[in-house]
């Protein structure tokens, strides 16, 4: 089964001031964003 016409996967971490602290946009909809990088960013800026 193909993924033609499926949008790109993406992940963002935005702080309380509305600033983007992490962004990942993947061209391949069959891949998922890096949860490890998201977790690291949340640990760094999530306070």
PDB file of N, CA and C in Angstrom:
ATOM      1  N   UNK A   1       0.854  -1.163   0.000  1.00  0.00           N
ATOM      2  CA  UNK A   1       0.000   0.000   0.000  1.00  0.00           C
ATOM      3  C   UNK A   1       0.891   1.213   0.000  1.00  0.00           C
ATOM      4  N   UNK A   2       0.540   2.176  -0.812  1.00  0.00           N
ATOM      5  CA  UNK A   2       1.357   3.380  -0.963  1.00  0.00           C
ATOM      6  C   UNK A   2       0.863   4.514  -0.083  1.00  0.00           C
ATOM      7  N   UNK A   3       1.694   5.509   0.034  1.00  0.00           N
ATOM      8  CA  UNK A   3       1.334   6.668   0.848  1.00  0.00           C
ATOM      9  C   UNK A   3       1.210   7.922  -0.011  1.00  0.00           C
ATOM     10  N   UNK A   4       0.912   7.732  -1.296  1.00  0.00           N
ATOM     11  CA  UNK A   4       0.762   8.861  -2.199  1.00  0.00           C
ATOM     12  C   UNK A   4      -0.392   9.747  -1.737  1.00  0.00           C
ATOM     13  N   UNK A   5      -0.145  11.037  -1.694  1.00  0.00           N
ATOM     14  CA  UNK A   5      -1.170  11.976  -1.277  1.00  0.00           C
ATOM     15  C   UNK A   5      -1.241  12.204   0.224  1.00  0.00           C
ATOM     16  N   UNK A   6      -0.389  11.512   0.978  1.00  0.00           N
ATOM     17  CA  UNK A   6      -0.363  11.676   2.431  1.00  0.00           C
ATOM     18  C   UNK A   6       0.547  12.854   2.770  1.00  0.00           C
ATOM     19  N   UNK A   7       0.130  13.651   3.710  1.00  0.00           N
ATOM     20  CA  UNK A   7       0.947  14.796   4.104  1.00  0.00           C
ATOM     21  C   UNK A   7       2.210  14.354   4.831  1.00  0.00           C
ATOM     22  N   UNK A   8       3.150  15.282   4.943  1.00  0.00           N
ATOM     23  CA  UNK A   8       4.405  15.010   5.636  1.00  0.00           C
ATOM     24  C   UNK A   8       4.149  14.908   7.135  1.00  0.00           C
ATOM     25  N   UNK A   9       4.959  14.121   7.798  1.00  0.00           N
ATOM     26  CA  UNK A   9       4.899  14.061   9.262  1.00  0.00           C
ATOM     27  C   UNK A   9       5.773  15.178   9.809  1.00  0.00           C
ATOM     28  N   UNK A  10       5.361  15.724  10.944  1.00  0.00           N
ATOM     29  CA  UNK A  10       6.143  16.789  11.564  1.00  0.00           C
ATOM     30  C   UNK A  10       5.935  16.775  13.069  1.00  0.00           C
ATOM     31  N   UNK A  11       6.886  17.402  13.751  1.00  0.00           N
ATOM     32  CA  UNK A  11       6.805  17.541  15.206  1.00  0.00           C
ATOM     33  C   UNK A  11       7.394  18.890  15.579  1.00  0.00           C
ATOM     34  N   UNK A  12       6.767  19.546  16.538  1.00  0.00           N
ATOM     35  CA  UNK A  12       7.234  20.846  17.003  1.00  0.00           C
ATOM     36  C   UNK A  12       7.173  20.886  18.519  1.00  0.00           C
ATOM     37  N   UNK A  13       8.129  21.597  19.124  1.00  0.00           N
ATOM     38  CA  UNK A  13       8.084  21.910  20.547  1.00  0.00           C
ATOM     39  C   UNK A  13       8.086  23.429  20.624  1.00  0.00           C
ATOM     40  N   UNK A  14       7.065  23.977  21.263  1.00  0.00           N
ATOM     41  CA  UNK A  14       6.898  25.422  21.365  1.00  0.00           C
ATOM     42  C   UNK A  14       6.875  25.793  22.835  1.00  0.00           C
ATOM     43  N   UNK A  15       7.680  26.804  23.221  1.00  0.00           N
ATOM     44  CA  UNK A  15       7.751  27.181  24.630  1.00  0.00           C
ATOM     45  C   UNK A  15       6.556  28.047  25.032  1.00  0.00           C
ATOM     46  N   UNK A  16       6.509  28.427  26.293  1.00  0.00           N
ATOM     47  CA  UNK A  16       5.372  29.181  26.829  1.00  0.00           C
ATOM     48  C   UNK A  16       5.241  30.563  26.205  1.00  0.00           C
ATOM     49  N   UNK A  17       6.342  31.083  25.646  1.00  0.00           N
ATOM     50  CA  UNK A  17       6.313  32.391  24.991  1.00  0.00           C
ATOM     51  C   UNK A  17       5.945  32.272  23.509  1.00  0.00           C
ATOM     52  N   UNK A  18       5.706  31.056  23.051  1.00  0.00           N
ATOM     53  CA  UNK A  18       5.319  30.829  21.671  1.00  0.00           C
ATOM     54  C   UNK A  18       6.483  30.690  20.704  1.00  0.00           C
ATOM     55  N   UNK A  19       7.695  30.535  21.227  1.00  0.00           N
ATOM     56  CA  UNK A  19       8.877  30.373  20.375  1.00  0.00           C
ATOM     57  C   UNK A  19       9.099  28.896  20.063  1.00  0.00           C
ATOM     58  N   UNK A  20       9.421  28.625  18.819  1.00  0.00           N
ATOM     59  CA  UNK A  20       9.688  27.248  18.403  1.00  0.00           C
ATOM     60  C   UNK A  20      11.073  26.850  18.887  1.00  0.00           C
ATOM     61  N   UNK A  21      11.128  25.807  19.693  1.00  0.00           N
ATOM     62  CA  UNK A  21      12.392  25.313  20.233  1.00  0.00           C
ATOM     63  C   UNK A  21      12.877  24.083  19.482  1.00  0.00           C
ATOM     64  N   UNK A  22      11.975  23.397  18.801  1.00  0.00           N
ATOM     65  CA  UNK A  22      12.342  22.213  18.024  1.00  0.00           C
ATOM     66  C   UNK A  22      11.344  22.063  16.892  1.00  0.00           C
ATOM     67  N   UNK A  23      11.862  21.779  15.709  1.00  0.00           N
ATOM     68  CA  UNK A  23      11.003  21.519  14.556  1.00  0.00           C
ATOM     69  C   UNK A  23      11.629  20.417  13.722  1.00  0.00           C
ATOM     70  N   UNK A  24      10.817  19.471  13.327  1.00  0.00           N
ATOM     71  CA  UNK A  24      11.271  18.400  12.449  1.00  0.00           C
ATOM     72  C   UNK A  24      10.151  18.113  11.454  1.00  0.00           C
ATOM     73  N   UNK A  25      10.474  18.226  10.176  1.00  0.00           N
ATOM     74  CA  UNK A  25       9.515  17.960   9.109  1.00  0.00           C
ATOM     75  C   UNK A  25      10.134  16.909   8.201  1.00  0.00           C
ATOM     76  N   UNK A  26       9.439  15.805   8.055  1.00  0.00           N
ATOM     77  CA  UNK A  26       9.971  14.683   7.293  1.00  0.00           C
ATOM     78  C   UNK A  26       9.304  14.591   5.928  1.00  0.00           C
ATOM     79  N   UNK A  27      10.109  14.428   4.886  1.00  0.00           N
ATOM     80  CA  UNK A  27       9.569  14.280   3.536  1.00  0.00           C
ATOM     81  C   UNK A  27       8.916  12.921   3.323  1.00  0.00           C
ATOM     82  N   UNK A  28       9.389  11.917   4.042  1.00  0.00           N
ATOM     83  CA  UNK A  28       8.880  10.552   3.893  1.00  0.00           C
ATOM     84  C   UNK A  28       7.790  10.299   4.937  1.00  0.00           C
ATOM     85  N   UNK A  29       6.512  10.190   4.525  1.00  0.00           N
ATOM     86  CA  UNK A  29       5.441   9.969   5.495  1.00  0.00           C
ATOM     87  C   UNK A  29       5.516   8.610   6.179  1.00  0.00           C
ATOM     88  N   UNK A  30       6.378   7.731   5.690  1.00  0.00           N
ATOM     89  CA  UNK A  30       6.551   6.423   6.317  1.00  0.00           C
ATOM     90  C   UNK A  30       7.477   6.456   7.521  1.00  0.00           C
ATOM     91  N   UNK A  31       8.153   7.577   7.735  1.00  0.00           N
ATOM     92  CA  UNK A  31       9.055   7.722   8.885  1.00  0.00           C
ATOM     93  C   UNK A  31       8.371   8.554   9.958  1.00  0.00           C
ATOM     94  N   UNK A  32       8.831   8.398  11.187  1.00  0.00           N
ATOM     95  CA  UNK A  32       8.264   9.172  12.291  1.00  0.00           C
ATOM     96  C   UNK A  32       9.337  10.101  12.859  1.00  0.00           C
ATOM     97  N   UNK A  33       8.920  11.223  13.453  1.00  0.00           N
ATOM     98  CA  UNK A  33       9.886  12.141  14.049  1.00  0.00           C
ATOM     99  C   UNK A  33      10.676  11.466  15.170  1.00  0.00           C
ATOM    100  N   UNK A  34      11.819  12.038  15.490  1.00  0.00           N
ATOM    101  CA  UNK A  34      12.693  11.498  16.530  1.00  0.00           C
ATOM    102  C   UNK A  34      12.132  11.826  17.912  1.00  0.00           C
ATOM    103  N   UNK A  35      11.576  10.814  18.562  1.00  0.00           N
ATOM    104  CA  UNK A  35      11.021  11.034  19.897  1.00  0.00           C
ATOM    105  C   UNK A  35      12.116  11.332  20.913  1.00  0.00           C
ATOM    106  N   UNK A  36      13.317  10.808  20.690  1.00  0.00           N
ATOM    107  CA  UNK A  36      14.430  11.102  21.595  1.00  0.00           C
ATOM    108  C   UNK A  36      14.789  12.583  21.553  1.00  0.00           C
ATOM    109  N   UNK A  37      14.840  13.166  20.363  1.00  0.00           N
ATOM    110  CA  UNK A  37      15.157  14.591  20.232  1.00  0.00           C
ATOM    111  C   UNK A  37      14.038  15.453  20.815  1.00  0.00           C
ATOM    112  N   UNK A  38      12.804  15.031  20.623  1.00  0.00           N
ATOM    113  CA  UNK A  38      11.672  15.762  21.201  1.00  0.00           C
ATOM    114  C   UNK A  38      11.765  15.727  22.722  1.00  0.00           C
ATOM    115  N   UNK A  39      12.047  14.563  23.279  1.00  0.00           N
ATOM    116  CA  UNK A  39      12.167  14.416  24.732  1.00  0.00           C
ATOM    117  C   UNK A  39      13.306  15.274  25.274  1.00  0.00           C
ATOM    118  N   UNK A  40      14.449  15.276  24.589  1.00  0.00           N
ATOM    119  CA  UNK A  40      15.583  16.101  25.019  1.00  0.00           C
ATOM    120  C   UNK A  40      15.206  17.580  25.040  1.00  0.00           C
ATOM    121  N   UNK A  41      14.494  18.024  24.013  1.00  0.00           N
ATOM    122  CA  UNK A  41      14.079  19.421  23.937  1.00  0.00           C
ATOM    123  C   UNK A  41      13.100  19.752  25.052  1.00  0.00           C
ATOM    124  N   UNK A  42      12.157  18.863  25.317  1.00  0.00           N
ATOM    125  CA  UNK A  42      11.205  19.092  26.403  1.00  0.00           C
ATOM    126  C   UNK A  42      11.907  19.161  27.749  1.00  0.00           C
ATOM    127  N   UNK A  43      12.890  18.299  27.951  1.00  0.00           N
ATOM    128  CA  UNK A  43      13.636  18.319  29.210  1.00  0.00           C
ATOM    129  C   UNK A  43      14.431  19.609  29.353  1.00  0.00           C
ATOM    130  N   UNK A  44      14.940  20.125  28.243  1.00  0.00           N
ATOM    131  CA  UNK A  44      15.742  21.345  28.280  1.00  0.00           C
ATOM    132  C   UNK A  44      14.878  22.592  28.469  1.00  0.00           C
ATOM    133  N   UNK A  45      13.748  22.671  27.772  1.00  0.00           N
ATOM    134  CA  UNK A  45      12.937  23.886  27.775  1.00  0.00           C
ATOM    135  C   UNK A  45      11.596  23.738  28.485  1.00  0.00           C
ATOM    136  N   UNK A  46      11.270  22.564  28.955  1.00  0.00           N
ATOM    137  CA  UNK A  46       9.952  22.321  29.512  1.00  0.00           C
ATOM    138  C   UNK A  46       9.741  22.783  30.939  1.00  0.00           C
ATOM    139  N   UNK A  47      10.635  23.561  31.459  1.00  0.00           N
ATOM    140  CA  UNK A  47      10.515  24.010  32.859  1.00  0.00           C
ATOM    141  C   UNK A  47       9.789  25.313  32.970  1.00  0.00           C
TER     142      UNK A  47
END
